[in-house]
C-alpha atoms as a PDB file:
ATOM      1  CA  MET A   1       2.011   9.009  15.528  1.00  0.00           C
ATOM      2  CA  ASN A   2      -0.606   6.702  16.840  1.00  0.00           C
ATOM      3  CA  ILE A   3      -2.067   4.694  13.885  1.00  0.00           C
ATOM      4  CA  LEU A   4      -5.139   2.545  13.764  1.00  0.00           C
ATOM      5  CA  PHE A   5      -5.509   0.062  10.953  1.00  0.00           C
ATOM      6  CA  HIS A   6      -9.078  -0.930  10.373  1.00  0.00           C
ATOM      7  CA  VAL A   7      -9.710  -4.508   9.080  1.00  0.00           C
ATOM      8  CA  GLY A   8     -13.356  -5.338   8.477  1.00  0.00           C
ATOM      9  CA  SER A   9     -14.901  -4.698  12.013  1.00  0.00           C
ATOM     10  CA  GLY A  10     -18.451  -3.578  11.450  1.00  0.00           C
ATOM     11  CA  ASN A  11     -18.832  -5.304   8.124  1.00  0.00           C
ATOM     12  CA  THR A  12     -21.494  -7.968   7.977  1.00  0.00           C
ATOM     13  CA  ASP A  13     -21.218  -8.870   4.243  1.00  0.00           C
ATOM     14  CA  ARG A  14     -18.614 -11.740   4.056  1.00  0.00           C
ATOM     15  CA  PRO A  15     -16.172 -10.041   6.555  1.00  0.00           C
ATOM     16  CA  SER A  16     -13.696 -12.809   5.724  1.00  0.00           C
ATOM     17  CA  ARG A  17     -12.878 -11.033   2.503  1.00  0.00           C
ATOM     18  CA  TRP A  18     -10.871  -8.558   4.657  1.00  0.00           C
ATOM     19  CA  TRP A  19      -8.335 -11.247   5.288  1.00  0.00           C
ATOM     20  CA  GLY A  20      -6.023  -9.940   2.615  1.00  0.00           C
ATOM     21  CA  VAL A  21      -6.333  -6.402   4.075  1.00  0.00           C
ATOM     22  CA  CYS A  22      -5.205  -7.950   7.287  1.00  0.00           C
ATOM     23  CA  VAL A  23      -2.060  -9.176   5.559  1.00  0.00           C
ATOM     24  CA  HIS A  24      -1.282  -5.790   3.895  1.00  0.00           C
ATOM     25  CA  PHE A  25      -2.100  -3.614   6.959  1.00  0.00           C
ATOM     26  CA  SER A  26       0.029  -5.965   9.166  1.00  0.00           C
ATOM     27  CA  ASN A  27       2.967  -5.615   6.991  1.00  0.00           C
ATOM     28  CA  LEU A  28       2.540  -1.854   6.819  1.00  0.00           C
ATOM     29  CA  ALA A  29       2.066  -1.590  10.665  1.00  0.00           C
ATOM     30  CA  ARG A  30       5.476  -3.416  11.053  1.00  0.00           C
ATOM     31  CA  SER A  31       7.142  -0.739   8.824  1.00  0.00           C
ATOM     32  CA  PHE A  32       5.403   2.066  10.693  1.00  0.00           C
ATOM     33  CA  GLU A  33       6.475   0.591  13.971  1.00  0.00           C
ATOM     34  CA  SER A  34      10.075   0.367  12.822  1.00  0.00           C
ATOM     35  CA  LEU A  35       9.855   4.038  11.891  1.00  0.00           C
ATOM     36  CA  GLY A  36       8.946   4.925  15.574  1.00  0.00           C
ATOM     37  CA  HIS A  37       5.117   5.029  15.372  1.00  0.00           C
ATOM     38  CA  GLU A  38       2.479   3.276  17.646  1.00  0.00           C
ATOM     39  CA  CYS A  39       0.315   0.931  15.667  1.00  0.00           C
ATOM     40  CA  VAL A  40      -2.755  -1.307  16.402  1.00  0.00           C
ATOM     41  CA  LEU A  41      -5.074  -3.259  14.166  1.00  0.00           C
ATOM     42  CA  GLN A  42      -8.770  -3.419  14.764  1.00  0.00           C
ATOM     43  CA  VAL A  43      -9.799  -6.739  13.109  1.00  0.00           C
ATOM     44  CA  HIS A  44     -12.968  -8.634  12.645  1.00  0.00           C
ATOM     45  CA  PRO A  45     -12.510 -12.174  14.021  1.00  0.00           C
ATOM     46  CA  LYS A  46     -13.243 -13.648  10.603  1.00  0.00           C
ATOM     47  CA  ALA A  47     -10.590 -11.449   8.895  1.00  0.00           C
ATOM     48  CA  VAL A  48      -7.541 -12.520  11.005  1.00  0.00           C
ATOM     49  CA  SER A  49      -4.628 -13.539   8.894  1.00  0.00           C
ATOM     50  CA  ALA A  50      -1.729 -15.829   9.948  1.00  0.00           C
ATOM     51  CA  ASN A  51       0.790 -12.904   9.930  1.00  0.00           C
ATOM     52  CA  ILE A  52      -1.360 -10.497  11.936  1.00  0.00           C
ATOM     53  CA  PHE A  53       0.546  -7.573  13.552  1.00  0.00           C
ATOM     54  CA  HIS A  54       1.248  -8.318  17.314  1.00  0.00           C
ATOM     55  CA  ARG A  55      -0.907  -5.450  18.623  1.00  0.00           C
ATOM     56  CA  PHE A  56      -4.469  -5.962  17.575  1.00  0.00           C
ATOM     57  CA  GLU A  57      -8.133  -5.621  18.863  1.00  0.00           C
ATOM     58  CA  LEU A  58     -10.684  -8.228  17.821  1.00  0.00           C
ATOM     59  CA  SER A  59     -14.081  -6.817  17.306  1.00  0.00           C
ATOM     60  CA  GLU A  60     -17.103  -7.668  15.167  1.00  0.00           C
ATOM     61  CA  VAL A  61     -18.344  -4.099  15.397  1.00  0.00           C
ATOM     62  CA  ALA A  62     -16.408  -0.944  14.614  1.00  0.00           C
ATOM     63  CA  LYS A  63     -15.589   0.634  17.930  1.00  0.00           C
ATOM     64  CA  ASP A  64     -13.562   3.545  19.465  1.00  0.00           C
ATOM     65  CA  SER A  65      -9.874   2.352  19.769  1.00  0.00           C
ATOM     66  CA  GLN A  66      -8.034   2.708  22.985  1.00  0.00           C
ATOM     67  CA  CYS A  67      -4.896   3.822  20.972  1.00  0.00           C
ATOM     68  CA  ASN A  68      -6.421   7.249  20.510  1.00  0.00           C
ATOM     69  CA  PRO A  69      -5.333   7.406  16.882  1.00  0.00           C
ATOM     70  CA  ASP A  70      -3.850  10.341  15.069  1.00  0.00           C
ATOM     71  CA  VAL A  71      -4.273   8.434  11.793  1.00  0.00           C
ATOM     72  CA  VAL A  72      -6.885   5.768  10.690  1.00  0.00           C
ATOM     73  CA  PHE A  73      -6.102   3.509   7.738  1.00  0.00           C
ATOM     74  CA  THR A  74      -9.090   1.802   6.136  1.00  0.00           C
ATOM     75  CA  TRP A  75      -9.740  -0.051   2.944  1.00  0.00           C
ATOM     76  CA  ASN A  76     -11.488   2.204   0.287  1.00  0.00           C
ATOM     77  CA  GLY A  77     -13.994   3.656   2.880  1.00  0.00           C
ATOM     78  CA  ILE A  78     -17.123   2.302   1.173  1.00  0.00           C
ATOM     79  CA  SER A  79     -18.244  -0.604   3.459  1.00  0.00           C
ATOM     80  CA  PRO A  80     -20.284   0.163   6.587  1.00  0.00           C
ATOM     81  CA  GLY A  81     -17.422  -0.675   9.016  1.00  0.00           C
ATOM     82  CA  ASP A  82     -15.082   1.554   7.124  1.00  0.00           C
ATOM     83  CA  LYS A  83     -17.392   4.510   7.293  1.00  0.00           C
ATOM     84  CA  ALA A  84     -18.107   3.836  10.989  1.00  0.00           C
ATOM     85  CA  ILE A  85     -14.540   3.722  11.992  1.00  0.00           C
ATOM     86  CA  ILE A  86     -13.855   7.061  10.408  1.00  0.00           C
ATOM     87  CA  ASP A  87     -16.850   8.645  12.044  1.00  0.00           C
ATOM     88  CA  LEU A  88     -15.762   7.214  15.443  1.00  0.00           C
ATOM     89  CA  HIS A  89     -12.351   9.074  15.120  1.00  0.00           C
ATOM     90  CA  PRO A  90     -13.334  12.473  13.687  1.00  0.00           C
ATOM     91  CA  ASN A  91      -9.986  14.135  14.783  1.00  0.00           C
ATOM     92  CA  ALA A  92      -7.863  11.458  13.081  1.00  0.00           C
ATOM     93  CA  ILE A  93      -6.476  11.819   9.487  1.00  0.00           C
ATOM     94  CA  PRO A  94      -8.149   9.139   7.396  1.00  0.00           C
ATOM     95  CA  VAL A  95      -6.045   7.270   4.817  1.00  0.00           C
ATOM     96  CA  TYR A  96      -7.875   5.137   2.280  1.00  0.00           C
ATOM     97  CA  ALA A  97      -6.300   2.104   0.578  1.00  0.00           C
ATOM     98  CA  GLU A  98      -7.135   0.399  -2.697  1.00  0.00           C
ATOM     99  CA  LEU A  99      -5.656  -2.027  -5.127  1.00  0.00           C
ATOM    100  CA  GLY A 100      -3.136  -0.212  -7.455  1.00  0.00           C
ATOM    101  CA  PHE A 101      -3.551   1.264 -10.906  1.00  0.00           C
ATOM    102  CA  PHE A 102      -1.279  -1.225 -12.745  1.00  0.00           C
ATOM    103  CA  ASP A 103      -0.314  -4.773 -11.739  1.00  0.00           C
ATOM    104  CA  HIS A 104      -3.746  -4.381  -9.984  1.00  0.00           C
ATOM    105  CA  TYR A 105      -3.643  -7.480  -7.759  1.00  0.00           C
ATOM    106  CA  GLU A 106       0.087  -6.983  -6.728  1.00  0.00           C
ATOM    107  CA  THR A 107      -0.033  -3.233  -5.883  1.00  0.00           C
ATOM    108  CA  VAL A 108      -1.906  -0.914  -3.551  1.00  0.00           C
ATOM    109  CA  TYR A 109      -2.205   2.934  -3.468  1.00  0.00           C
ATOM    110  CA  PHE A 110      -3.259   5.257  -0.706  1.00  0.00           C
ATOM    111  CA  ASP A 111      -5.332   8.431  -0.803  1.00  0.00           C
ATOM    112  CA  PHE A 112      -6.211  11.087   1.705  1.00  0.00           C
ATOM    113  CA  SER A 113      -9.624  11.976   0.175  1.00  0.00           C
ATOM    114  CA  GLY A 114     -11.129   8.468  -0.751  1.00  0.00           C
ATOM    115  CA  THR A 115     -11.053   6.078  -3.617  1.00  0.00           C
ATOM    116  CA  ASN A 116     -12.634   5.927  -7.026  1.00  0.00           C
ATOM    117  CA  SER A 117     -14.945   8.965  -7.340  1.00  0.00           C
ATOM    118  CA  ARG A 118     -13.605  10.590  -4.126  1.00  0.00           C
ATOM    119  CA  SER A 119      -9.971  10.195  -5.095  1.00  0.00           C
ATOM    120  CA  MET A 120      -7.766  13.227  -4.736  1.00  0.00           C
ATOM    121  CA  ASN A 121      -6.249  12.175  -8.107  1.00  0.00           C
ATOM    122  CA  LEU A 122      -9.348  13.574  -9.884  1.00  0.00           C
ATOM    123  CA  LEU A 123      -8.606  17.094  -8.716  1.00  0.00           C
ATOM    124  CA  GLU A 124      -5.097  17.593  -7.718  1.00  0.00           C
ATOM    125  CA  ASP A 125      -2.450  19.211  -9.973  1.00  0.00           C
ATOM    126  CA  ILE A 126      -0.507  16.991 -12.298  1.00  0.00           C
ATOM    127  CA  ASP A 127       3.214  17.662 -13.044  1.00  0.00           C
ATOM    128  CA  LYS A 128       3.395  17.770 -16.813  1.00  0.00           C
ATOM    129  CA  GLU A 129       7.073  18.508 -16.838  1.00  0.00           C
ATOM    130  CA  PHE A 130       8.196  14.913 -16.566  1.00  0.00           C
ATOM    131  CA  ASN A 131      11.833  13.916 -17.150  1.00  0.00           C
ATOM    132  CA  GLY A 132      13.446  11.006 -19.018  1.00  0.00           C
ATOM    133  CA  LEU A 133      13.011   8.681 -16.048  1.00  0.00           C
ATOM    134  CA  ASP A 134       9.286   9.431 -15.986  1.00  0.00           C
ATOM    135  CA  GLU A 135       9.103   8.789 -19.766  1.00  0.00           C
ATOM    136  CA  GLU A 136      10.728   5.481 -19.203  1.00  0.00           C
ATOM    137  CA  ILE A 137       8.075   4.580 -16.474  1.00  0.00           C
ATOM    138  CA  PHE A 138       5.347   5.249 -18.995  1.00  0.00           C
ATOM    139  CA  ASN A 139       7.076   3.240 -21.775  1.00  0.00           C
ATOM    140  CA  ARG A 140       7.935   0.401 -19.403  1.00  0.00           C
ATOM    141  CA  VAL A 141       4.256  -0.025 -18.260  1.00  0.00           C
ATOM    142  CA  LYS A 142       3.013   0.361 -21.766  1.00  0.00           C
ATOM    143  CA  ARG A 143       5.335  -2.384 -23.058  1.00  0.00           C
ATOM    144  CA  LYS A 144       4.208  -4.708 -20.265  1.00  0.00           C
ATOM    145  CA  TYR A 145       0.487  -4.453 -21.111  1.00  0.00           C
ATOM    146  CA  ALA A 146       0.464  -3.804 -24.855  1.00  0.00           C
ATOM    147  CA  LYS A 147      -0.645  -6.658 -27.187  1.00  0.00           C
ATOM    148  CA  TYR A 148      -1.185  -6.925 -30.909  1.00  0.00           C
ATOM    149  CA  GLN A 149      -4.619  -5.888 -31.927  1.00  0.00           C
ATOM    150  CA  LEU A 150      -6.998  -8.634 -32.950  1.00  0.00           C
ATOM    151  CA  ILE A 151      -9.524  -6.502 -34.814  1.00  0.00           C
ATOM    152  CA  ASN A 152      -8.300  -4.466 -37.743  1.00  0.00           C
ATOM    153  CA  ASP A 153     -11.039  -4.925 -40.430  1.00  0.00           C
ATOM    154  CA  TYR A 154     -14.073  -3.122 -38.866  1.00  0.00           C
ATOM    155  CA  GLU A 155     -14.940  -0.332 -36.422  1.00  0.00           C
ATOM    156  CA  TYR A 156     -16.056  -1.222 -32.905  1.00  0.00           C
ATOM    157  CA  VAL A 157     -16.420  -0.017 -29.318  1.00  0.00           C
ATOM    158  CA  PHE A 158     -15.098  -2.226 -26.593  1.00  0.00           C
ATOM    159  CA  VAL A 159     -17.001  -3.018 -23.363  1.00  0.00           C
ATOM    160  CA  PRO A 160     -15.327  -4.823 -20.505  1.00  0.00           C
ATOM    161  CA  LEU A 161     -18.097  -6.151 -18.136  1.00  0.00           C
ATOM    162  CA  GLN A 162     -17.795  -6.482 -14.344  1.00  0.00           C
ATOM    163  CA  ASP A 163     -19.115  -8.393 -11.457  1.00  0.00           C
ATOM    164  CA  ASN A 164     -22.585  -7.267 -10.447  1.00  0.00           C
ATOM    165  CA  LEU A 165     -21.458  -7.174  -6.853  1.00  0.00           C
ATOM    166  CA  ASP A 166     -18.416  -5.097  -7.339  1.00  0.00           C
ATOM    167  CA  THR A 167     -18.668  -1.896  -5.381  1.00  0.00           C
ATOM    168  CA  GLN A 168     -17.882   0.008  -8.710  1.00  0.00           C
ATOM    169  CA  ILE A 169     -21.415  -1.195  -9.703  1.00  0.00           C
ATOM    170  CA  THR A 170     -23.232  -1.102  -6.323  1.00  0.00           C
ATOM    171  CA  LYS A 171     -21.827   2.158  -5.145  1.00  0.00           C
ATOM    172  CA  TYR A 172     -20.553   4.200  -8.115  1.00  0.00           C
ATOM    173  CA  SER A 173     -22.651   3.139 -11.137  1.00  0.00           C
ATOM    174  CA  PRO A 174     -26.046   4.409 -12.219  1.00  0.00           C
ATOM    175  CA  PHE A 175     -26.994   0.832 -12.971  1.00  0.00           C
ATOM    176  CA  ASN A 176     -28.088  -1.996 -10.778  1.00  0.00           C
ATOM    177  CA  ASN A 177     -26.250  -4.646 -12.868  1.00  0.00           C
ATOM    178  CA  MET A 178     -24.392  -5.377 -16.024  1.00  0.00           C
ATOM    179  CA  THR A 179     -27.569  -6.302 -17.991  1.00  0.00           C
ATOM    180  CA  GLU A 180     -28.957  -2.854 -17.497  1.00  0.00           C
ATOM    181  CA  PHE A 181     -25.562  -1.427 -18.379  1.00  0.00           C
ATOM    182  CA  MET A 182     -25.326  -3.369 -21.680  1.00  0.00           C
ATOM    183  CA  ASP A 183     -28.874  -2.346 -22.554  1.00  0.00           C
ATOM    184  CA  TRP A 184     -27.701   1.292 -22.068  1.00  0.00           C
ATOM    185  CA  VAL A 185     -24.603   0.679 -24.233  1.00  0.00           C
ATOM    186  CA  LEU A 186     -26.823  -0.738 -27.018  1.00  0.00           C
ATOM    187  CA  ASP A 187     -29.016   2.334 -26.852  1.00  0.00           C
ATOM    188  CA  VAL A 188     -26.325   5.126 -26.721  1.00  0.00           C
ATOM    189  CA  THR A 189     -24.330   3.531 -29.542  1.00  0.00           C
ATOM    190  CA  LYS A 190     -27.157   3.426 -32.048  1.00  0.00           C
ATOM    191  CA  PHE A 191     -26.184   6.688 -33.630  1.00  0.00           C
ATOM    192  CA  MET A 192     -22.845   5.093 -34.728  1.00  0.00           C
ATOM    193  CA  GLY A 193     -24.667   2.968 -37.206  1.00  0.00           C
ATOM    194  CA  PRO A 194     -25.096  -0.825 -37.587  1.00  0.00           C
ATOM    195  CA  GLU A 195     -21.557  -1.246 -39.100  1.00  0.00           C
ATOM    196  CA  VAL A 196     -19.946  -0.318 -35.738  1.00  0.00           C
ATOM    197  CA  LYS A 197     -19.775  -3.382 -33.672  1.00  0.00           C
ATOM    198  CA  ILE A 198     -20.009  -3.619 -29.866  1.00  0.00           C
ATOM    199  CA  VAL A 199     -17.229  -5.991 -28.860  1.00  0.00           C
ATOM    200  CA  TYR A 200     -17.590  -7.012 -25.180  1.00  0.00           C
ATOM    201  CA  LYS A 201     -15.895  -9.374 -22.644  1.00  0.00           C
ATOM    202  CA  GLN A 202     -17.642 -11.029 -19.903  1.00  0.00           C
ATOM    203  CA  HIS A 203     -16.192 -10.853 -16.321  1.00  0.00           C
ATOM    204  CA  PRO A 204     -14.560 -14.344 -16.039  1.00  0.00           C
ATOM    205  CA  MET A 205     -16.122 -14.987 -12.593  1.00  0.00           C
ATOM    206  CA  ALA A 206     -19.452 -13.447 -13.030  1.00  0.00           C
ATOM    207  CA  PRO A 207     -20.955 -13.678 -16.594  1.00  0.00           C
ATOM    208  CA  THR A 208     -23.942 -11.479 -17.388  1.00  0.00           C
ATOM    209  CA  PRO A 209     -27.064 -12.460 -19.398  1.00  0.00           C
ATOM    210  CA  ILE A 210     -26.949 -10.338 -22.609  1.00  0.00           C
ATOM    211  CA  LYS A 211     -29.836  -9.923 -24.999  1.00  0.00           C
ATOM    212  CA  ALA A 212     -29.263 -10.826 -28.626  1.00  0.00           C
ATOM    213  CA  ASP A 213     -28.230  -8.024 -30.994  1.00  0.00           C
ATOM    214  CA  PRO A 214     -26.528  -8.276 -34.441  1.00  0.00           C
ATOM    215  CA  ARG A 215     -24.023  -5.638 -33.401  1.00  0.00           C
ATOM    216  CA  LEU A 216     -22.720  -7.651 -30.485  1.00  0.00           C
ATOM    217  CA  ILE A 217     -19.548  -9.685 -30.600  1.00  0.00           C
ATOM    218  CA  GLU A 218     -18.266 -11.504 -27.517  1.00  0.00           C
ATOM    219  CA  VAL A 219     -14.546 -12.093 -27.129  1.00  0.00           C
ATOM    220  CA  LYS A 220     -12.511 -13.987 -24.466  1.00  0.00           C
ATOM    221  CA  ASP A 221      -8.884 -12.825 -25.049  1.00  0.00           C
ATOM    222  CA  ASP A 222      -6.925 -10.413 -22.973  1.00  0.00           C
ATOM    223  CA  VAL A 223      -8.661  -7.014 -23.137  1.00  0.00           C
ATOM    224  CA  HIS A 224      -5.377  -5.355 -24.305  1.00  0.00           C
ATOM    225  CA  HIS A 225      -5.919  -7.046 -27.718  1.00  0.00           C
ATOM    226  CA  TYR A 226      -8.943  -4.732 -28.279  1.00  0.00           C
ATOM    227  CA  LEU A 227      -8.231  -1.431 -26.422  1.00  0.00           C
ATOM    228  CA  GLU A 228      -5.959   0.428 -28.780  1.00  0.00           C
ATOM    229  CA  ASN A 229      -8.113   0.004 -32.005  1.00  0.00           C
ATOM    230  CA  ALA A 230     -11.434   0.736 -30.334  1.00  0.00           C
ATOM    231  CA  ASN A 231     -13.277   3.823 -31.378  1.00  0.00           C
ATOM    232  CA  PHE A 232     -14.381   4.102 -27.753  1.00  0.00           C
ATOM    233  CA  VAL A 233     -13.980   2.009 -24.609  1.00  0.00           C
ATOM    234  CA  ILE A 234     -17.121   2.104 -22.372  1.00  0.00           C
ATOM    235  CA  GLY A 235     -17.229   0.805 -18.804  1.00  0.00           C
ATOM    236  CA  CYS A 236     -18.169   1.383 -15.147  1.00  0.00           C
ATOM    237  CA  ASN A 237     -14.996   2.631 -13.645  1.00  0.00           C
ATOM    238  CA  SER A 238     -13.219  -0.709 -14.094  1.00  0.00           C
ATOM    239  CA  SER A 239      -9.325  -0.909 -13.855  1.00  0.00           C
ATOM    240  CA  VAL A 240      -9.458  -1.689 -17.684  1.00  0.00           C
ATOM    241  CA  LEU A 241     -10.585   1.879 -18.266  1.00  0.00           C
ATOM    242  CA  PHE A 242      -7.565   3.179 -16.452  1.00  0.00           C
ATOM    243  CA  GLU A 243      -5.236   0.778 -18.433  1.00  0.00           C
ATOM    244  CA  CYS A 244      -6.862   2.091 -21.611  1.00  0.00           C
ATOM    245  CA  LEU A 245      -5.152   5.497 -20.917  1.00  0.00           C
ATOM    246  CA  LEU A 246      -1.818   3.783 -22.010  1.00  0.00           C
ATOM    247  CA  TYR A 247      -3.113   4.008 -25.529  1.00  0.00           C
ATOM    248  CA  HIS A 248      -5.683   6.933 -25.753  1.00  0.00           C
ATOM    249  CA  ASN A 249      -8.400   8.764 -23.899  1.00  0.00           C
ATOM    250  CA  ARG A 250     -11.418   7.666 -25.913  1.00  0.00           C
ATOM    251  CA  ILE A 251     -13.174   6.507 -22.894  1.00  0.00           C
ATOM    252  CA  ILE A 252     -16.799   6.733 -21.703  1.00  0.00           C
ATOM    253  CA  THR A 253     -17.243   6.157 -17.940  1.00  0.00           C
ATOM    254  CA  ALA A 254     -20.724   5.302 -16.805  1.00  0.00           C
ATOM    255  CA  GLY A 255     -20.490   6.784 -13.260  1.00  0.00           C
ATOM    256  CA  ILE A 256     -17.571   8.661 -11.760  1.00  0.00           C
ATOM    257  CA  GLY A 257     -14.180   7.142 -11.586  1.00  0.00           C
ATOM    258  CA  LEU A 258     -10.454   7.743 -12.030  1.00  0.00           C
ATOM    259  CA  THR A 259     -10.929   8.107 -15.759  1.00  0.00           C
ATOM    260  CA  SER A 260     -13.693  10.768 -15.351  1.00  0.00           C
ATOM    261  CA  ARG A 261     -10.987  13.451 -15.260  1.00  0.00           C
ATOM    262  CA  PRO A 262     -10.867  15.340 -18.585  1.00  0.00           C
ATOM    263  CA  LEU A 263      -7.580  14.594 -20.133  1.00  0.00           C
ATOM    264  CA  ASN A 264      -5.947  15.819 -23.341  1.00  0.00           C
ATOM    265  CA  GLU A 265      -3.095  13.903 -25.029  1.00  0.00           C
ATOM    266  CA  GLU A 266      -0.405  15.496 -22.942  1.00  0.00           C
ATOM    267  CA  ASP A 267      -2.336  15.101 -19.703  1.00  0.00           C
ATOM    268  CA  ARG A 268      -3.064  11.480 -20.412  1.00  0.00           C
ATOM    269  CA  LYS A 269       0.621  10.450 -20.206  1.00  0.00           C
ATOM    270  CA  ALA A 270       1.317  12.765 -17.305  1.00  0.00           C
ATOM    271  CA  TYR A 271      -1.685  11.279 -15.405  1.00  0.00           C
ATOM    272  CA  ILE A 272      -0.359   7.753 -15.909  1.00  0.00           C
ATOM    273  CA  ILE A 273       3.026   8.614 -14.490  1.00  0.00           C
ATOM    274  CA  HIS A 274       1.394  10.731 -11.611  1.00  0.00           C
ATOM    275  CA  CYS A 275      -0.666   7.765 -10.479  1.00  0.00           C
ATOM    276  CA  TYR A 276       1.918   5.131 -11.152  1.00  0.00           C
ATOM    277  CA  LYS A 277       4.265   6.911  -8.730  1.00  0.00           C
ATOM    278  CA  LYS A 278       1.868   6.654  -5.897  1.00  0.00           C
ATOM    279  CA  GLN A 279       1.279   2.922  -5.954  1.00  0.00           C
ATOM    280  CA  ILE A 280       3.289   0.525  -3.876  1.00  0.00           C
ATOM    281  CA  HIS A 281       4.030  -3.066  -4.578  1.00  0.00           C
ATOM    282  CA  GLN A 282       2.505  -5.298  -1.936  1.00  0.00           C
ATOM    283  CA  THR A 283       5.855  -7.017  -1.235  1.00  0.00           C
ATOM    284  CA  LYS A 284       7.268  -3.634  -0.151  1.00  0.00           C
ATOM    285  CA  LEU A 285       4.688  -2.841   2.585  1.00  0.00           C
ATOM    286  CA  GLY A 286       6.820  -4.493   5.190  1.00  0.00           C
ATOM    287  CA  ASP A 287      10.032  -2.621   4.147  1.00  0.00           C
ATOM    288  CA  PRO A 288      10.346   0.452   6.364  1.00  0.00           C
ATOM    289  CA  ASN A 289      13.292   1.884   4.429  1.00  0.00           C
ATOM    290  CA  TYR A 290      11.159   1.756   1.244  1.00  0.00           C
ATOM    291  CA  ILE A 291       7.977   3.026   3.002  1.00  0.00           C
ATOM    292  CA  LYS A 292       9.717   6.110   4.378  1.00  0.00           C
ATOM    293  CA  GLU A 293      10.568   7.254   0.859  1.00  0.00           C
ATOM    294  CA  THR A 294       6.998   6.791  -0.533  1.00  0.00           C
ATOM    295  CA  TRP A 295       4.662   9.601  -1.501  1.00  0.00           C
ATOM    296  CA  MET A 296       2.108   8.279   1.064  1.00  0.00           C
ATOM    297  CA  TYR A 297       4.579   8.473   3.990  1.00  0.00           C
ATOM    298  CA  LYS A 298       5.909  11.833   3.168  1.00  0.00           C
ATOM    299  CA  GLU A 299       2.429  13.368   2.651  1.00  0.00           C
ATOM    300  CA  LEU A 300       1.249  11.864   5.920  1.00  0.00           C
ATOM    301  CA  LEU A 301       4.094  13.475   7.882  1.00  0.00           C
ATOM    302  CA  LYS A 302       3.045  16.789   6.431  1.00  0.00           C
ATOM    303  CA  LYS A 303      -0.532  16.421   7.684  1.00  0.00           C
ATOM    304  CA  VAL A 304       0.021  15.160  11.244  1.00  0.00           C
END
């Protein structure tokens, strides 16, 4: 296979943010090269990392690559450069990467349809006949995240807020910002009555102005102190909503995301296991022996 890894070329909004992608894709390119494949990175000059793969093309704009790729890896496919590089190579198989489902900032997952609302996980079949090892995966993840519940004496919905600049808001949400979103939450929860509180947590790096309301209670602790006991968890496709599936499926997603898939109680656990098996720890991206056994690599070989 000839493989092109796209790293920020064609993106004008803070292209240096793709520096971390350069690290991950460089490590993955080394693994693919060790497995016998030709790899090249196309990198925005401001996204170059210290460990960059030895074969690379520097370009501020997305351009047709001389490697004539059979496969194009890109990061989530949302940014202008990501879309352009896919359009420039219509005969190549696109592979979309995104941060993982659990241990969010330490893992990645790959998808052949897209990420978030375009993810193949929303539509593909889930194996519900999981074995004892699968059960242990679920229990181990839940033990890692679960925390004692801080609210036990009143009913509430829990709302994790996000950064207004997050693509989950700018691309996949019906709201322009979190202020609009919270106004909507206050409106749609009126039928629950004044005794049901709206417990919310601000995004730590991007607090949102919230209008006063007697039902609102702001908290600052880990979100897992509030997920299990909540009547509902309401959000805009955040990773918190997916983590909430560890406890229940009482989730309201504003927009389309990974938790938009209808899930009964049996499906919920199977979906967690299904997605968990697809993610790869970032420290394993440079290990060819590990990569060749992953779902992503085996699926890619079927498609080429």
